Amino acid sequence: MTHRFPIKEIALQAGMGTATVDRVLNGRAHVSPQTRARVMAAIDELTQQEGQMSARGRRVFFDVVVEAPTRFSREVKRAAEEVLPGVSAAVIRPRFVLGEVMRDDEVLATVTRILKRGSQGVCLKLRDTPLMRAAIAELTAAGIPVVTLFTDIASPARLGYFGLENAAAGQVAAYLMDLSLPKGPGTILATQSNLGFLGEGARADAFAVALRQLRPELKIISATGGSGLPHDTAQDVMRVLRGVDDLVAVYSMGGGNRAIDQVLSNLGHAPHLFIAHDLDRENKDLLLSRCIQYVLHHDLHTDLRNAFHRLLRHHRLMPADTVDAPSNVQIITPANLPRETRRA
């Protein structure tokens, strides 16, 4: 197999030994599909970084670990790669671990690999669990700084959180409900991907409090646990909508919105309002087709840039003259969809 990167560089990017990489590149036996895929991904990452590698400055490795549906993790990876050329303080080499649902043993294996090969920083989008808090403490004790992305983890050891101001997003959703829905009673479906994500929990809590103040006659029912994946989300939504005949709105905090829309159609529900989160391709299409009316968004590029800058400041590669702050909520409609995302 031809390639333009030294085996040592590919091995360092993949977090594997040079002998393993050599077996993959030369098509030898006893190589698992997962190992082959990781080596191919490492070569692709090196190709993406090639332009930046010519920049002067210290080389640092950052590990980005994201538990999310592919439609969102793909947006995160793309945003990170687009941000890197503008970071001049160092040559950042990102290594991505992306999973739709990450079991405890997968998280432990990932942390073990990072500890073994070393890292100058770790960016995490994972559920808040005792295991994850312990992992952050272990990484920090080993001198590897950790920041959280898009959803926080309740660990005093992490350097900072970079993502949406989630409580404010829940309040905005309640405001839009009050503004848009006709007066009178009704039921609102609120969906979360998993109770372990603190960001979605903050949205849900703030939404419930604000809506109770604005429209106490409205009832909220919750569907939780589908991980934003189509089949599991659809099953949860069908279960909680059993017997509901007055659905007036949906607030989807955890994704899987095409599946939710299909369930609503199958059950004969036509809610006045559907509010979702994040401008991934699925939500853009649903927004343009008027299946959803609002997307509450935050700029992934800004979040990732700020996270990288915070890690660089930790290593004193940037001046400590900036303040970490959560992202503001952007209300996106078909009328103000960012130009580069509109379909021709």
C-alpha atoms as a PDB file:
ATOM      1  CA  MET A   1       0.000   0.000   0.000  1.00  0.00           C
ATOM      2  CA  THR A   2       1.467   3.350  -1.003  1.00  0.00           C
ATOM      3  CA  HIS A   3       1.417   6.259   1.444  1.00  0.00           C
ATOM      4  CA  ARG A   4       3.437   9.401   1.968  1.00  0.00           C
ATOM      5  CA  PHE A   5       3.829   9.335   5.743  1.00  0.00           C
ATOM      6  CA  PRO A   6       6.506   7.459   7.712  1.00  0.00           C
ATOM      7  CA  ILE A   7       5.243   4.404   9.564  1.00  0.00           C
ATOM      8  CA  LYS A   8       6.392   5.973  12.832  1.00  0.00           C
ATOM      9  CA  GLU A   9       4.184   9.023  12.183  1.00  0.00           C
ATOM     10  CA  ILE A  10       1.165   6.872  11.325  1.00  0.00           C
ATOM     11  CA  ALA A  11       1.741   4.748  14.435  1.00  0.00           C
ATOM     12  CA  LEU A  12       1.962   7.835  16.638  1.00  0.00           C
ATOM     13  CA  GLN A  13      -1.251   9.230  15.147  1.00  0.00           C
ATOM     14  CA  ALA A  14      -3.091   5.907  15.478  1.00  0.00           C
ATOM     15  CA  GLY A  15      -1.770   5.193  18.970  1.00  0.00           C
ATOM     16  CA  MET A  16      -0.417   1.799  17.863  1.00  0.00           C
ATOM     17  CA  GLY A  17       2.924   0.104  17.522  1.00  0.00           C
ATOM     18  CA  THR A  18       4.931   0.429  14.323  1.00  0.00           C
ATOM     19  CA  ALA A  19       4.794  -3.352  13.763  1.00  0.00           C
ATOM     20  CA  THR A  20       0.985  -3.297  13.786  1.00  0.00           C
ATOM     21  CA  VAL A  21       0.898  -0.414  11.320  1.00  0.00           C
ATOM     22  CA  ASP A  22       3.404  -2.219   9.093  1.00  0.00           C
ATOM     23  CA  ARG A  23       1.161  -5.319   9.016  1.00  0.00           C
ATOM     24  CA  VAL A  24      -1.825  -3.226   7.983  1.00  0.00           C
ATOM     25  CA  LEU A  25       0.024  -1.299   5.281  1.00  0.00           C
ATOM     26  CA  ASN A  26       1.480  -4.443   3.780  1.00  0.00           C
ATOM     27  CA  GLY A  27      -1.746  -6.430   3.869  1.00  0.00           C
ATOM     28  CA  ARG A  28      -0.446  -9.127   6.196  1.00  0.00           C
ATOM     29  CA  ALA A  29      -2.646 -11.581   8.087  1.00  0.00           C
ATOM     30  CA  HIS A  30      -3.917 -11.399  11.679  1.00  0.00           C
ATOM     31  CA  VAL A  31      -5.147  -7.802  11.474  1.00  0.00           C
ATOM     32  CA  SER A  32      -8.651  -7.060  12.761  1.00  0.00           C
ATOM     33  CA  PRO A  33     -11.038  -4.852  10.757  1.00  0.00           C
ATOM     34  CA  GLN A  34     -11.048  -2.375  13.665  1.00  0.00           C
ATOM     35  CA  THR A  35      -7.249  -2.080  13.604  1.00  0.00           C
ATOM     36  CA  ARG A  36      -7.208  -1.648   9.843  1.00  0.00           C
ATOM     37  CA  ALA A  37      -9.921   1.030  10.078  1.00  0.00           C
ATOM     38  CA  ARG A  38      -7.973   2.916  12.780  1.00  0.00           C
ATOM     39  CA  VAL A  39      -4.795   2.963  10.676  1.00  0.00           C
ATOM     40  CA  MET A  40      -6.741   4.210   7.644  1.00  0.00           C
ATOM     41  CA  ALA A  41      -8.341   6.894   9.820  1.00  0.00           C
ATOM     42  CA  ALA A  42      -4.899   7.945  11.089  1.00  0.00           C
ATOM     43  CA  ILE A  43      -3.626   8.360   7.514  1.00  0.00           C
ATOM     44  CA  ASP A  44      -6.705  10.419   6.684  1.00  0.00           C
ATOM     45  CA  GLU A  45      -6.123  12.594   9.772  1.00  0.00           C
ATOM     46  CA  LEU A  46      -2.478  13.132   8.789  1.00  0.00           C
ATOM     47  CA  THR A  47      -3.586  14.151   5.304  1.00  0.00           C
ATOM     48  CA  GLN A  48      -6.002  16.680   6.793  1.00  0.00           C
ATOM     49  CA  GLN A  49      -3.246  18.073   9.017  1.00  0.00           C
ATOM     50  CA  GLU A  50      -0.545  18.196   6.360  1.00  0.00           C
ATOM     51  CA  GLY A  51      -0.989  21.882   5.627  1.00  0.00           C
ATOM     52  CA  GLN A  52      -0.660  22.846   9.245  1.00  0.00           C
ATOM     53  CA  MET A  53       2.363  20.611   9.830  1.00  0.00           C
ATOM     54  CA  SER A  54       4.508  23.009   7.847  1.00  0.00           C
ATOM     55  CA  ALA A  55       3.850  25.728  10.432  1.00  0.00           C
ATOM     56  CA  ARG A  56       6.526  26.540  12.947  1.00  0.00           C
ATOM     57  CA  GLY A  57       6.052  25.893  16.605  1.00  0.00           C
ATOM     58  CA  ARG A  58       5.796  23.093  19.104  1.00  0.00           C
ATOM     59  CA  ARG A  59       3.902  19.979  18.071  1.00  0.00           C
ATOM     60  CA  VAL A  60       1.196  18.864  20.488  1.00  0.00           C
ATOM     61  CA  PHE A  61      -1.241  15.958  20.438  1.00  0.00           C
ATOM     62  CA  PHE A  62      -4.842  16.492  21.566  1.00  0.00           C
ATOM     63  CA  ASP A  63      -7.248  13.559  21.943  1.00  0.00           C
ATOM     64  CA  VAL A  64     -10.903  14.278  21.144  1.00  0.00           C
ATOM     65  CA  VAL A  65     -13.308  11.651  22.519  1.00  0.00           C
ATOM     66  CA  VAL A  66     -16.951  12.044  21.506  1.00  0.00           C
ATOM     67  CA  GLU A  67     -19.972   9.886  22.319  1.00  0.00           C
ATOM     68  CA  ALA A  68     -22.690  10.984  19.924  1.00  0.00           C
ATOM     69  CA  PRO A  69     -24.591   9.834  16.834  1.00  0.00           C
ATOM     70  CA  THR A  70     -22.412   9.843  13.723  1.00  0.00           C
ATOM     71  CA  ARG A  71     -24.342  12.754  12.222  1.00  0.00           C
ATOM     72  CA  PHE A  72     -23.103  14.969  15.111  1.00  0.00           C
ATOM     73  CA  SER A  73     -19.626  13.543  15.716  1.00  0.00           C
ATOM     74  CA  ARG A  74     -18.903  14.026  11.997  1.00  0.00           C
ATOM     75  CA  GLU A  75     -19.719  17.737  12.407  1.00  0.00           C
ATOM     76  CA  VAL A  76     -17.422  17.949  15.448  1.00  0.00           C
ATOM     77  CA  LYS A  77     -14.504  16.338  13.582  1.00  0.00           C
ATOM     78  CA  ARG A  78     -15.002  18.575  10.560  1.00  0.00           C
ATOM     79  CA  ALA A  79     -15.171  21.729  12.722  1.00  0.00           C
ATOM     80  CA  ALA A  80     -11.988  20.739  14.606  1.00  0.00           C
ATOM     81  CA  GLU A  81     -10.072  20.187  11.378  1.00  0.00           C
ATOM     82  CA  GLU A  82     -11.264  23.539   9.991  1.00  0.00           C
ATOM     83  CA  VAL A  83     -10.198  25.385  13.161  1.00  0.00           C
ATOM     84  CA  LEU A  84      -6.663  23.980  13.311  1.00  0.00           C
ATOM     85  CA  PRO A  85      -5.056  26.001  10.475  1.00  0.00           C
ATOM     86  CA  GLY A  86      -5.942  29.205  12.317  1.00  0.00           C
ATOM     87  CA  VAL A  87      -4.187  28.178  15.536  1.00  0.00           C
ATOM     88  CA  SER A  88      -0.691  29.607  15.214  1.00  0.00           C
ATOM     89  CA  ALA A  89       0.672  29.015  18.715  1.00  0.00           C
ATOM     90  CA  ALA A  90       1.515  25.356  18.035  1.00  0.00           C
ATOM     91  CA  VAL A  91       1.070  22.555  15.519  1.00  0.00           C
ATOM     92  CA  ILE A  92      -1.916  20.645  16.907  1.00  0.00           C
ATOM     93  CA  ARG A  93      -2.246  16.990  15.950  1.00  0.00           C
ATOM     94  CA  PRO A  94      -5.771  15.799  16.877  1.00  0.00           C
ATOM     95  CA  ARG A  95      -6.578  12.131  17.447  1.00  0.00           C
ATOM     96  CA  PHE A  96     -10.283  11.292  17.338  1.00  0.00           C
ATOM     97  CA  VAL A  97     -12.198   8.552  19.118  1.00  0.00           C
ATOM     98  CA  LEU A  98     -15.836   8.695  18.005  1.00  0.00           C
ATOM     99  CA  GLY A  99     -18.595   6.337  19.139  1.00  0.00           C
ATOM    100  CA  GLU A 100     -22.378   6.456  18.969  1.00  0.00           C
ATOM    101  CA  VAL A 101     -22.682   4.704  22.340  1.00  0.00           C
ATOM    102  CA  MET A 102     -19.548   4.122  24.431  1.00  0.00           C
ATOM    103  CA  ARG A 103     -19.647   1.395  27.060  1.00  0.00           C
ATOM    104  CA  ASP A 104     -17.658   1.673  30.277  1.00  0.00           C
ATOM    105  CA  ASP A 105     -15.063  -0.802  29.044  1.00  0.00           C
ATOM    106  CA  GLU A 106     -14.594   1.209  25.830  1.00  0.00           C
ATOM    107  CA  VAL A 107     -14.089   4.408  27.815  1.00  0.00           C
ATOM    108  CA  LEU A 108     -11.572   2.656  30.081  1.00  0.00           C
ATOM    109  CA  ALA A 109      -9.686   1.252  27.092  1.00  0.00           C
ATOM    110  CA  THR A 110      -9.550   4.695  25.484  1.00  0.00           C
ATOM    111  CA  VAL A 111      -8.231   6.333  28.662  1.00  0.00           C
ATOM    112  CA  THR A 112      -5.668   3.553  29.085  1.00  0.00           C
ATOM    113  CA  ARG A 113      -4.380   4.099  25.543  1.00  0.00           C
ATOM    114  CA  ILE A 114      -4.110   7.846  26.102  1.00  0.00           C
ATOM    115  CA  LEU A 115      -2.207   7.336  29.360  1.00  0.00           C
ATOM    116  CA  LYS A 116       0.138   4.847  27.700  1.00  0.00           C
ATOM    117  CA  ARG A 117       1.002   6.896  24.618  1.00  0.00           C
ATOM    118  CA  GLY A 118       0.798  10.328  26.267  1.00  0.00           C
ATOM    119  CA  SER A 119      -1.135  13.432  25.280  1.00  0.00           C
ATOM    120  CA  GLN A 120      -0.956  17.182  25.748  1.00  0.00           C
ATOM    121  CA  GLY A 121      -4.706  17.455  26.255  1.00  0.00           C
ATOM    122  CA  VAL A 122      -8.014  15.581  26.131  1.00  0.00           C
ATOM    123  CA  CYS A 123     -11.391  16.955  24.984  1.00  0.00           C
ATOM    124  CA  LEU A 124     -14.353  14.883  26.167  1.00  0.00           C
ATOM    125  CA  LYS A 125     -18.015  14.700  25.187  1.00  0.00           C
ATOM    126  CA  LEU A 126     -19.180  11.850  27.390  1.00  0.00           C
ATOM    127  CA  ARG A 127     -21.825  11.054  29.963  1.00  0.00           C
ATOM    128  CA  ASP A 128     -21.264  12.150  33.553  1.00  0.00           C
ATOM    129  CA  THR A 129     -20.565   8.928  35.453  1.00  0.00           C
ATOM    130  CA  PRO A 130     -18.376   7.979  38.453  1.00  0.00           C
ATOM    131  CA  LEU A 131     -16.127   6.121  36.011  1.00  0.00           C
ATOM    132  CA  MET A 132     -15.659   9.191  33.844  1.00  0.00           C
ATOM    133  CA  ARG A 133     -14.969  11.439  36.822  1.00  0.00           C
ATOM    134  CA  ALA A 134     -12.356   8.940  38.016  1.00  0.00           C
ATOM    135  CA  ALA A 135     -10.829   8.846  34.524  1.00  0.00           C
ATOM    136  CA  ILE A 136     -10.497  12.631  34.455  1.00  0.00           C
ATOM    137  CA  ALA A 137      -8.801  12.534  37.851  1.00  0.00           C
ATOM    138  CA  GLU A 138      -6.390   9.848  36.597  1.00  0.00           C
ATOM    139  CA  LEU A 139      -5.529  11.764  33.429  1.00  0.00           C
ATOM    140  CA  THR A 140      -4.989  14.972  35.392  1.00  0.00           C
ATOM    141  CA  ALA A 141      -2.797  13.198  37.940  1.00  0.00           C
ATOM    142  CA  ALA A 142      -0.683  11.986  35.022  1.00  0.00           C
ATOM    143  CA  GLY A 143      -0.191  15.590  33.870  1.00  0.00           C
ATOM    144  CA  ILE A 144      -2.696  15.406  30.997  1.00  0.00           C
ATOM    145  CA  PRO A 145      -5.189  18.319  31.127  1.00  0.00           C
ATOM    146  CA  VAL A 146      -8.862  17.621  30.326  1.00  0.00           C
ATOM    147  CA  VAL A 147     -11.655  19.881  29.054  1.00  0.00           C
ATOM    148  CA  THR A 148     -15.284  18.976  28.407  1.00  0.00           C
ATOM    149  CA  LEU A 149     -17.179  19.741  25.194  1.00  0.00           C
ATOM    150  CA  PHE A 150     -20.900  20.462  24.693  1.00  0.00           C
ATOM    151  CA  THR A 151     -21.951  18.602  27.866  1.00  0.00           C
ATOM    152  CA  ASP A 152     -20.119  18.952  31.161  1.00  0.00           C
ATOM    153  CA  ILE A 153     -18.802  16.349  33.579  1.00  0.00           C
ATOM    154  CA  ALA A 154     -18.957  17.138  37.294  1.00  0.00           C
ATOM    155  CA  SER A 155     -15.246  16.836  37.961  1.00  0.00           C
ATOM    156  CA  PRO A 156     -13.254  19.511  39.796  1.00  0.00           C
ATOM    157  CA  ALA A 157     -10.165  18.236  37.970  1.00  0.00           C
ATOM    158  CA  ARG A 158     -11.252  19.313  34.479  1.00  0.00           C
ATOM    159  CA  LEU A 159      -9.884  22.639  33.210  1.00  0.00           C
ATOM    160  CA  GLY A 160     -13.111  23.994  31.755  1.00  0.00           C
ATOM    161  CA  TYR A 161     -16.332  23.430  29.817  1.00  0.00           C
ATOM    162  CA  PHE A 162     -16.763  24.599  26.219  1.00  0.00           C
ATOM    163  CA  GLY A 163     -20.168  24.478  24.607  1.00  0.00           C
ATOM    164  CA  LEU A 164     -23.694  25.767  24.767  1.00  0.00           C
ATOM    165  CA  GLU A 165     -25.127  27.535  27.798  1.00  0.00           C
ATOM    166  CA  ASN A 166     -27.595  24.672  28.222  1.00  0.00           C
ATOM    167  CA  ALA A 167     -29.862  26.166  30.873  1.00  0.00           C
ATOM    168  CA  ALA A 168     -30.315  29.264  28.711  1.00  0.00           C
ATOM    169  CA  ALA A 169     -31.231  27.010  25.769  1.00  0.00           C
ATOM    170  CA  GLY A 170     -33.994  25.397  27.809  1.00  0.00           C
ATOM    171  CA  GLN A 171     -35.331  28.815  28.759  1.00  0.00           C
ATOM    172  CA  VAL A 172     -35.290  29.917  25.110  1.00  0.00           C
ATOM    173  CA  ALA A 173     -37.262  26.800  24.146  1.00  0.00           C
ATOM    174  CA  ALA A 174     -39.895  27.621  26.775  1.00  0.00           C
ATOM    175  CA  TYR A 175     -40.099  31.211  25.518  1.00  0.00           C
ATOM    176  CA  LEU A 176     -40.649  30.025  21.939  1.00  0.00           C
ATOM    177  CA  MET A 177     -43.342  27.619  23.133  1.00  0.00           C
ATOM    178  CA  ASP A 178     -45.163  30.391  24.960  1.00  0.00           C
ATOM    179  CA  LEU A 179     -44.846  32.688  21.945  1.00  0.00           C
ATOM    180  CA  SER A 180     -45.976  30.158  19.346  1.00  0.00           C
ATOM    181  CA  LEU A 181     -48.570  27.867  20.912  1.00  0.00           C
ATOM    182  CA  PRO A 182     -52.288  28.695  21.107  1.00  0.00           C
ATOM    183  CA  LYS A 183     -53.671  29.345  24.560  1.00  0.00           C
ATOM    184  CA  GLY A 184     -55.158  26.425  26.414  1.00  0.00           C
ATOM    185  CA  PRO A 185     -54.092  23.008  27.675  1.00  0.00           C
ATOM    186  CA  GLY A 186     -52.022  20.510  25.744  1.00  0.00           C
ATOM    187  CA  THR A 187     -49.122  18.067  25.958  1.00  0.00           C
ATOM    188  CA  ILE A 188     -45.493  18.736  25.063  1.00  0.00           C
ATOM    189  CA  LEU A 189     -43.109  15.881  24.249  1.00  0.00           C
ATOM    190  CA  ALA A 190     -39.582  16.528  25.602  1.00  0.00           C
ATOM    191  CA  THR A 191     -36.896  14.068  24.475  1.00  0.00           C
ATOM    192  CA  GLN A 192     -33.349  13.463  25.753  1.00  0.00           C
ATOM    193  CA  SER A 193     -30.767  11.033  24.418  1.00  0.00           C
ATOM    194  CA  ASN A 194     -29.542   9.866  27.829  1.00  0.00           C
ATOM    195  CA  LEU A 195     -29.941  11.042  31.417  1.00  0.00           C
ATOM    196  CA  GLY A 196     -26.169  10.791  31.839  1.00  0.00           C
ATOM    197  CA  PHE A 197     -25.513  13.858  29.674  1.00  0.00           C
ATOM    198  CA  LEU A 198     -25.496  16.823  32.061  1.00  0.00           C
ATOM    199  CA  GLY A 199     -26.026  19.325  29.232  1.00  0.00           C
ATOM    200  CA  GLU A 200     -29.354  17.815  28.207  1.00  0.00           C
ATOM    201  CA  GLY A 201     -30.355  17.559  31.850  1.00  0.00           C
ATOM    202  CA  ALA A 202     -29.695  21.275  32.323  1.00  0.00           C
ATOM    203  CA  ARG A 203     -31.809  22.044  29.249  1.00  0.00           C
ATOM    204  CA  ALA A 204     -34.677  19.866  30.489  1.00  0.00           C
ATOM    205  CA  ASP A 205     -34.683  21.304  34.016  1.00  0.00           C
ATOM    206  CA  ALA A 206     -34.582  24.938  32.860  1.00  0.00           C
ATOM    207  CA  PHE A 207     -37.245  24.275  30.221  1.00  0.00           C
ATOM    208  CA  ALA A 208     -39.615  22.710  32.763  1.00  0.00           C
ATOM    209  CA  VAL A 209     -39.182  25.549  35.268  1.00  0.00           C
ATOM    210  CA  ALA A 210     -39.611  28.306  32.682  1.00  0.00           C
ATOM    211  CA  LEU A 211     -42.617  26.683  30.994  1.00  0.00           C
ATOM    212  CA  ARG A 212     -44.330  26.135  34.343  1.00  0.00           C
ATOM    213  CA  GLN A 213     -44.069  29.865  34.963  1.00  0.00           C
ATOM    214  CA  LEU A 214     -45.167  30.898  31.467  1.00  0.00           C
ATOM    215  CA  ARG A 215     -47.790  28.265  30.655  1.00  0.00           C
ATOM    216  CA  PRO A 216     -48.768  26.214  33.706  1.00  0.00           C
ATOM    217  CA  GLU A 217     -51.676  24.631  31.815  1.00  0.00           C
ATOM    218  CA  LEU A 218     -49.291  22.725  29.516  1.00  0.00           C
ATOM    219  CA  LYS A 219     -48.158  19.199  30.450  1.00  0.00           C
ATOM    220  CA  ILE A 220     -44.671  17.831  29.694  1.00  0.00           C
ATOM    221  CA  ILE A 221     -44.072  14.135  29.003  1.00  0.00           C
ATOM    222  CA  SER A 222     -40.524  12.824  28.612  1.00  0.00           C
ATOM    223  CA  ALA A 223     -38.875  10.215  26.392  1.00  0.00           C
ATOM    224  CA  THR A 224     -35.296   9.436  27.410  1.00  0.00           C
ATOM    225  CA  GLY A 225     -32.676   6.829  26.582  1.00  0.00           C
ATOM    226  CA  GLY A 226     -32.609   6.509  22.802  1.00  0.00           C
ATOM    227  CA  SER A 227     -29.041   7.884  22.556  1.00  0.00           C
ATOM    228  CA  GLY A 228     -30.207  10.005  19.608  1.00  0.00           C
ATOM    229  CA  LEU A 229     -30.250   6.842  17.457  1.00  0.00           C
ATOM    230  CA  PRO A 230     -33.247   6.404  15.125  1.00  0.00           C
ATOM    231  CA  HIS A 231     -34.623   3.005  16.172  1.00  0.00           C
ATOM    232  CA  ASP A 232     -34.188   3.394  19.931  1.00  0.00           C
ATOM    233  CA  THR A 233     -35.487   6.966  19.903  1.00  0.00           C
ATOM    234  CA  ALA A 234     -38.556   5.929  17.892  1.00  0.00           C
ATOM    235  CA  GLN A 235     -39.312   3.131  20.369  1.00  0.00           C
ATOM    236  CA  ASP A 236     -39.104   5.494  23.346  1.00  0.00           C
ATOM    237  CA  VAL A 237     -41.311   8.100  21.665  1.00  0.00           C
ATOM    238  CA  MET A 238     -43.968   5.541  20.678  1.00  0.00           C
ATOM    239  CA  ARG A 239     -44.060   4.265  24.249  1.00  0.00           C
ATOM    240  CA  VAL A 240     -44.625   7.632  25.911  1.00  0.00           C
ATOM    241  CA  LEU A 241     -47.129   8.834  23.288  1.00  0.00           C
ATOM    242  CA  ARG A 242     -49.413   5.869  23.910  1.00  0.00           C
ATOM    243  CA  GLY A 243     -52.813   7.317  24.853  1.00  0.00           C
ATOM    244  CA  VAL A 244     -51.826  10.948  24.178  1.00  0.00           C
ATOM    245  CA  ASP A 245     -54.338  12.787  21.981  1.00  0.00           C
ATOM    246  CA  ASP A 246     -53.512  16.447  22.626  1.00  0.00           C
ATOM    247  CA  LEU A 247     -49.838  16.763  21.549  1.00  0.00           C
ATOM    248  CA  VAL A 248     -49.139  20.407  20.706  1.00  0.00           C
ATOM    249  CA  ALA A 249     -45.322  20.607  20.579  1.00  0.00           C
ATOM    250  CA  VAL A 250     -42.015  18.721  20.655  1.00  0.00           C
ATOM    251  CA  TYR A 251     -38.747  19.822  22.254  1.00  0.00           C
ATOM    252  CA  SER A 252     -35.987  17.449  21.159  1.00  0.00           C
ATOM    253  CA  MET A 253     -32.835  17.900  23.221  1.00  0.00           C
ATOM    254  CA  GLY A 254     -31.021  14.761  22.097  1.00  0.00           C
ATOM    255  CA  GLY A 255     -31.561  14.262  18.366  1.00  0.00           C
ATOM    256  CA  GLY A 256     -33.050  11.451  16.343  1.00  0.00           C
ATOM    257  CA  ASN A 257     -35.472  13.972  14.904  1.00  0.00           C
ATOM    258  CA  ARG A 258     -36.236  12.284  11.599  1.00  0.00           C
ATOM    259  CA  ALA A 259     -37.302   9.200  13.544  1.00  0.00           C
ATOM    260  CA  ILE A 260     -39.391  11.338  15.900  1.00  0.00           C
ATOM    261  CA  ASP A 261     -41.076  13.069  12.964  1.00  0.00           C
ATOM    262  CA  GLN A 262     -41.869   9.689  11.371  1.00  0.00           C
ATOM    263  CA  VAL A 263     -43.435   8.385  14.600  1.00  0.00           C
ATOM    264  CA  LEU A 264     -45.560  11.528  14.898  1.00  0.00           C
ATOM    265  CA  SER A 265     -46.777  11.038  11.334  1.00  0.00           C
ATOM    266  CA  ASN A 266     -47.512   7.339  11.875  1.00  0.00           C
ATOM    267  CA  LEU A 267     -49.524   8.083  15.018  1.00  0.00           C
ATOM    268  CA  GLY A 268     -51.453  10.927  13.398  1.00  0.00           C
ATOM    269  CA  HIS A 269     -49.958  13.723  15.499  1.00  0.00           C
ATOM    270  CA  ALA A 270     -49.481  17.159  13.927  1.00  0.00           C
ATOM    271  CA  PRO A 271     -47.948  19.369  16.636  1.00  0.00           C
ATOM    272  CA  HIS A 272     -47.907  23.135  16.159  1.00  0.00           C
ATOM    273  CA  LEU A 273     -44.204  23.377  17.008  1.00  0.00           C
ATOM    274  CA  PHE A 274     -41.057  21.240  16.845  1.00  0.00           C
ATOM    275  CA  ILE A 275     -37.839  22.640  18.379  1.00  0.00           C
ATOM    276  CA  ALA A 276     -34.533  20.782  17.930  1.00  0.00           C
ATOM    277  CA  HIS A 277     -30.834  21.254  18.715  1.00  0.00           C
ATOM    278  CA  ASP A 278     -27.745  21.516  16.455  1.00  0.00           C
ATOM    279  CA  LEU A 279     -27.345  22.150  12.733  1.00  0.00           C
ATOM    280  CA  ASP A 280     -26.343  18.708  11.536  1.00  0.00           C
ATOM    281  CA  ARG A 281     -27.407  17.629   8.046  1.00  0.00           C
ATOM    282  CA  GLU A 282     -30.536  15.865   9.293  1.00  0.00           C
ATOM    283  CA  ASN A 283     -31.798  18.938  11.121  1.00  0.00           C
ATOM    284  CA  LYS A 284     -30.981  21.218   8.194  1.00  0.00           C
ATOM    285  CA  ASP A 285     -33.106  19.049   5.911  1.00  0.00           C
ATOM    286  CA  LEU A 286     -35.960  18.878   8.433  1.00  0.00           C
ATOM    287  CA  LEU A 287     -35.800  22.633   8.926  1.00  0.00           C
ATOM    288  CA  LEU A 288     -35.936  23.357   5.200  1.00  0.00           C
ATOM    289  CA  SER A 289     -38.851  20.944   4.741  1.00  0.00           C
ATOM    290  CA  ARG A 290     -40.695  22.658   7.628  1.00  0.00           C
ATOM    291  CA  CYS A 291     -40.865  19.458   9.676  1.00  0.00           C
ATOM    292  CA  ILE A 292     -39.193  21.411  12.472  1.00  0.00           C
ATOM    293  CA  GLN A 293     -39.599  25.142  13.030  1.00  0.00           C
ATOM    294  CA  TYR A 294     -36.586  26.142  15.147  1.00  0.00           C
ATOM    295  CA  VAL A 295     -33.087  24.793  15.736  1.00  0.00           C
ATOM    296  CA  LEU A 296     -31.244  25.993  18.838  1.00  0.00           C
ATOM    297  CA  HIS A 297     -27.616  26.092  17.744  1.00  0.00           C
ATOM    298  CA  HIS A 298     -24.143  27.034  18.930  1.00  0.00           C
ATOM    299  CA  ASP A 299     -20.981  27.515  16.923  1.00  0.00           C
ATOM    300  CA  LEU A 300     -18.916  24.317  17.121  1.00  0.00           C
ATOM    301  CA  HIS A 301     -15.925  26.094  15.587  1.00  0.00           C
ATOM    302  CA  THR A 302     -15.859  28.660  18.408  1.00  0.00           C
ATOM    303  CA  ASP A 303     -16.279  25.989  21.079  1.00  0.00           C
ATOM    304  CA  LEU A 304     -13.437  23.876  19.720  1.00  0.00           C
ATOM    305  CA  ARG A 305     -11.144  26.858  19.142  1.00  0.00           C
ATOM    306  CA  ASN A 306     -11.702  27.984  22.742  1.00  0.00           C
ATOM    307  CA  ALA A 307     -11.081  24.464  24.047  1.00  0.00           C
ATOM    308  CA  PHE A 308      -7.809  24.168  22.109  1.00  0.00           C
ATOM    309  CA  HIS A 309      -6.737  27.619  23.282  1.00  0.00           C
ATOM    310  CA  ARG A 310      -7.434  26.655  26.901  1.00  0.00           C
ATOM    311  CA  LEU A 311      -5.236  23.579  26.601  1.00  0.00           C
ATOM    312  CA  LEU A 312      -2.481  25.637  24.956  1.00  0.00           C
ATOM    313  CA  ARG A 313      -2.697  28.192  27.776  1.00  0.00           C
ATOM    314  CA  HIS A 314      -2.261  25.348  30.260  1.00  0.00           C
ATOM    315  CA  HIS A 315       1.050  24.567  28.566  1.00  0.00           C
ATOM    316  CA  ARG A 316       1.930  28.283  28.460  1.00  0.00           C
ATOM    317  CA  LEU A 317       1.925  28.294  24.684  1.00  0.00           C
ATOM    318  CA  MET A 318      -0.616  31.133  24.644  1.00  0.00           C
ATOM    319  CA  PRO A 319      -1.013  34.167  26.897  1.00  0.00           C
ATOM    320  CA  ALA A 320      -3.538  33.834  29.717  1.00  0.00           C
ATOM    321  CA  ASP A 321      -5.578  36.847  28.617  1.00  0.00           C
ATOM    322  CA  THR A 322      -8.885  35.274  27.594  1.00  0.00           C
ATOM    323  CA  VAL A 323     -11.946  34.252  29.599  1.00  0.00           C
ATOM    324  CA  ASP A 324     -13.736  30.916  29.147  1.00  0.00           C
ATOM    325  CA  ALA A 325     -17.479  31.334  28.622  1.00  0.00           C
ATOM    326  CA  PRO A 326     -20.268  29.077  27.355  1.00  0.00           C
ATOM    327  CA  SER A 327     -21.636  29.708  23.863  1.00  0.00           C
ATOM    328  CA  ASN A 328     -24.697  31.860  23.299  1.00  0.00           C
ATOM    329  CA  VAL A 329     -27.866  30.266  21.963  1.00  0.00           C
ATOM    330  CA  GLN A 330     -28.600  30.919  18.292  1.00  0.00           C
ATOM    331  CA  ILE A 331     -32.192  30.535  17.059  1.00  0.00           C
ATOM    332  CA  ILE A 332     -32.074  29.179  13.500  1.00  0.00           C
ATOM    333  CA  THR A 333     -35.057  29.180  11.135  1.00  0.00           C
ATOM    334  CA  PRO A 334     -35.280  28.492   7.386  1.00  0.00           C
ATOM    335  CA  ALA A 335     -35.013  32.258   6.876  1.00  0.00           C
ATOM    336  CA  ASN A 336     -31.615  32.649   8.607  1.00  0.00           C
ATOM    337  CA  LEU A 337     -30.014  29.279   7.897  1.00  0.00           C
ATOM    338  CA  PRO A 338     -26.290  29.960   7.401  1.00  0.00           C
ATOM    339  CA  ARG A 339     -25.646  30.474   3.705  1.00  0.00           C
ATOM    340  CA  GLU A 340     -23.087  27.683   3.329  1.00  0.00           C
ATOM    341  CA  THR A 341     -25.642  25.150   4.598  1.00  0.00           C
ATOM    342  CA  ARG A 342     -28.457  26.025   2.178  1.00  0.00           C
ATOM    343  CA  ARG A 343     -29.185  23.529  -0.552  1.00  0.00           C
ATOM    344  CA  ALA A 344     -28.859  24.697  -4.170  1.00  0.00           C
END
